[in-house]
N, C-alpha and C. Protein backbone atom coordinates (compact mmCIF):
# COMPACT_ATOMS: atom_id res chain seq x y z
N MET A 1 132.12 133.91 42.96
CA MET A 1 133.30 133.18 42.86
C MET A 1 132.71 131.70 43.43
N ASN A 2 133.08 130.73 42.87
CA ASN A 2 132.61 129.52 43.46
C ASN A 2 133.83 128.74 44.15
N TRP A 3 133.46 127.57 44.73
CA TRP A 3 134.52 126.99 45.62
C TRP A 3 135.73 126.40 44.82
N ASP A 4 135.50 126.07 43.65
CA ASP A 4 136.33 125.40 42.71
C ASP A 4 137.46 126.45 42.37
N GLN A 5 137.15 127.64 42.21
CA GLN A 5 138.09 128.79 42.08
C GLN A 5 138.74 129.02 43.23
N ILE A 6 138.31 128.95 44.45
CA ILE A 6 139.06 129.13 45.68
C ILE A 6 140.11 128.00 45.85
N GLU A 7 139.59 126.71 45.63
CA GLU A 7 140.37 125.67 45.82
C GLU A 7 141.64 125.65 44.77
N GLY A 8 141.41 126.13 43.55
CA GLY A 8 142.40 126.20 42.62
C GLY A 8 143.39 127.26 42.99
N ASN A 9 143.01 128.26 43.69
CA ASN A 9 143.92 129.40 44.06
C ASN A 9 144.16 129.35 45.67
N TRP A 10 144.23 128.35 46.12
CA TRP A 10 144.08 128.17 47.62
C TRP A 10 145.33 128.95 48.19
N LYS A 11 146.56 128.91 47.50
CA LYS A 11 147.60 129.75 48.19
C LYS A 11 147.39 131.12 48.51
N GLN A 12 146.53 131.70 47.47
CA GLN A 12 146.17 133.22 47.58
C GLN A 12 144.96 133.38 48.65
N PHE A 13 144.23 132.41 48.89
CA PHE A 13 143.16 132.41 49.90
C PHE A 13 143.50 132.21 51.32
N LYS A 14 144.56 131.50 51.49
CA LYS A 14 145.03 130.92 52.79
C LYS A 14 145.01 132.26 53.76
N GLY A 15 145.49 133.33 53.30
CA GLY A 15 145.73 134.66 54.25
C GLY A 15 144.28 135.05 54.58
N ARG A 16 143.38 135.03 53.76
CA ARG A 16 142.11 135.59 54.04
C ARG A 16 141.25 134.54 54.82
N VAL A 17 141.39 133.24 54.73
CA VAL A 17 141.03 132.27 55.66
C VAL A 17 141.55 132.42 57.14
N LYS A 18 142.71 132.75 57.13
CA LYS A 18 143.39 132.89 58.47
C LYS A 18 142.85 134.32 59.05
N GLU A 19 142.67 135.37 58.38
CA GLU A 19 141.97 136.52 58.80
C GLU A 19 140.69 136.28 59.48
N LYS A 20 139.89 135.41 58.90
CA LYS A 20 138.65 135.32 59.25
C LYS A 20 138.60 134.19 60.49
N TRP A 21 139.33 133.29 60.48
CA TRP A 21 139.45 132.29 61.44
C TRP A 21 140.76 132.07 62.01
N ALA A 22 141.27 133.00 62.98
CA ALA A 22 142.59 132.96 63.35
C ALA A 22 143.11 131.71 64.09
N LYS A 23 142.26 130.79 64.46
CA LYS A 23 142.53 129.79 65.17
C LYS A 23 143.43 128.66 64.28
N PHE A 24 143.27 128.97 63.02
CA PHE A 24 143.94 128.04 62.08
C PHE A 24 145.44 128.29 61.89
N THR A 25 146.17 127.13 61.95
CA THR A 25 147.58 127.34 61.86
C THR A 25 148.02 127.18 60.36
N ASP A 26 149.21 127.51 60.09
CA ASP A 26 149.56 127.25 58.59
C ASP A 26 149.52 125.67 58.34
N ASP A 27 149.76 124.91 59.27
CA ASP A 27 149.71 123.38 59.01
C ASP A 27 148.26 122.99 58.75
N ASP A 28 147.15 123.52 59.56
CA ASP A 28 145.98 123.27 59.28
C ASP A 28 145.58 123.72 57.86
N LEU A 29 146.00 124.79 57.45
CA LEU A 29 145.65 125.30 56.03
C LEU A 29 146.31 124.39 55.00
N ASP A 30 147.49 124.08 55.08
CA ASP A 30 148.19 123.07 54.33
C ASP A 30 147.33 121.82 54.20
N LYS A 31 146.87 121.17 55.24
CA LYS A 31 146.23 120.03 55.25
C LYS A 31 144.72 120.17 54.56
N ILE A 32 144.14 121.27 54.64
CA ILE A 32 142.85 121.54 54.08
C ILE A 32 142.82 121.48 52.59
N GLU A 33 144.13 122.13 52.04
CA GLU A 33 144.33 122.01 50.70
C GLU A 33 143.21 122.73 49.85
N GLY A 34 142.44 123.58 50.41
CA GLY A 34 141.45 124.30 49.62
C GLY A 34 140.18 123.53 49.47
N ARG A 35 140.04 122.24 50.19
CA ARG A 35 138.86 121.56 50.09
C ARG A 35 137.74 122.04 51.10
N ARG A 36 136.77 122.29 50.65
CA ARG A 36 135.54 123.06 51.40
C ARG A 36 135.16 122.00 52.54
N ASP A 37 135.12 120.72 52.36
CA ASP A 37 134.76 119.73 53.33
C ASP A 37 135.62 119.75 54.43
N ARG A 38 136.99 119.82 54.01
CA ARG A 38 137.99 119.62 55.06
C ARG A 38 137.96 120.91 55.82
N LEU A 39 137.76 122.16 55.32
CA LEU A 39 137.58 123.38 55.92
C LEU A 39 136.49 123.38 56.86
N ALA A 40 135.36 123.02 56.45
CA ALA A 40 134.14 122.86 57.26
C ALA A 40 134.60 121.90 58.57
N GLY A 41 135.07 120.74 58.29
CA GLY A 41 135.49 119.92 59.36
C GLY A 41 136.38 120.59 60.39
N LYS A 42 137.31 121.36 59.97
CA LYS A 42 138.29 122.00 60.92
C LYS A 42 137.52 123.07 61.62
N LEU A 43 136.66 123.65 60.93
CA LEU A 43 135.87 124.88 61.63
C LEU A 43 135.11 124.11 62.86
N GLN A 44 134.62 123.13 62.57
CA GLN A 44 133.91 122.44 63.70
C GLN A 44 134.83 122.14 64.73
N GLU A 45 135.95 121.44 64.34
CA GLU A 45 136.96 120.95 65.49
C GLU A 45 137.49 122.14 66.30
N LYS A 46 137.99 123.28 65.55
CA LYS A 46 138.74 124.32 66.23
C LYS A 46 137.83 125.28 67.13
N TYR A 47 136.61 125.48 66.57
CA TYR A 47 135.72 126.42 67.15
C TYR A 47 134.60 125.82 67.86
N GLY A 48 134.34 124.46 67.83
CA GLY A 48 133.35 123.86 68.58
C GLY A 48 131.99 124.16 68.21
N ILE A 49 131.78 124.27 66.83
CA ILE A 49 130.55 124.58 66.31
C ILE A 49 129.90 123.29 65.55
N ALA A 50 128.53 123.54 65.34
CA ALA A 50 127.89 122.47 64.66
C ALA A 50 128.08 122.63 63.20
N LYS A 51 127.83 121.58 62.60
CA LYS A 51 128.00 121.47 61.01
C LYS A 51 127.23 122.47 60.36
N GLU A 52 126.07 122.94 60.82
CA GLU A 52 125.18 124.01 60.16
C GLU A 52 125.86 125.25 60.27
N GLU A 53 126.36 125.59 61.55
CA GLU A 53 126.96 126.86 61.81
C GLU A 53 128.39 126.84 60.83
N ALA A 54 129.00 125.82 60.62
CA ALA A 54 130.33 125.88 59.96
C ALA A 54 129.84 126.18 58.44
N GLU A 55 128.81 125.55 57.98
CA GLU A 55 128.35 125.78 56.59
C GLU A 55 127.82 127.21 56.38
N LYS A 56 127.22 127.63 57.33
CA LYS A 56 126.67 129.17 57.37
C LYS A 56 127.80 130.01 57.20
N GLN A 57 128.95 129.77 58.07
CA GLN A 57 130.23 130.70 58.09
C GLN A 57 130.91 130.60 56.73
N LEU A 58 130.97 129.39 56.07
CA LEU A 58 131.60 129.13 54.89
C LEU A 58 130.82 130.04 53.82
N LYS A 59 129.41 129.86 53.75
CA LYS A 59 128.74 130.41 52.73
C LYS A 59 128.90 132.20 52.94
N GLU A 60 128.91 132.57 54.05
CA GLU A 60 129.31 134.05 54.27
C GLU A 60 130.63 134.40 53.76
N PHE A 61 131.59 133.64 54.00
CA PHE A 61 132.92 133.81 53.51
C PHE A 61 133.09 133.83 52.04
N GLU A 62 132.35 132.80 51.35
CA GLU A 62 132.35 132.73 50.02
C GLU A 62 131.72 134.03 49.40
N GLU A 63 130.47 134.48 49.89
CA GLU A 63 129.86 135.58 49.53
C GLU A 63 130.76 136.94 49.60
N LYS A 64 131.50 136.90 50.88
CA LYS A 64 132.37 138.20 51.01
C LYS A 64 133.40 138.26 49.87
N ILE A 65 134.06 137.12 49.71
CA ILE A 65 135.21 137.28 48.85
C ILE A 65 134.83 137.33 47.34
N SER A 66 133.55 137.04 47.09
CA SER A 66 133.12 137.13 45.80
C SER A 66 132.69 138.53 45.40
N GLN A 67 132.59 139.37 46.41
CA GLN A 67 132.28 140.85 46.22
C GLN A 67 133.54 141.52 46.03
N HIS A 68 134.68 140.95 46.18
CA HIS A 68 135.86 141.78 46.11
C HIS A 68 136.65 141.40 44.70
């Protein structure tokens, strides 16, 4: 599954995102709108991590949901 599919079905994936990153609020997820760059930025902001770590976590998330 690629990110375009996730973005296109964002409402379905918001719950899975919230399961993985519990610090996100519903408002955060609405503002992200499925955009990978926005999600990466929010990860850095909420969790105090570097851009590289945010990208690593996003890649792992993409791989995990592709397996389901």
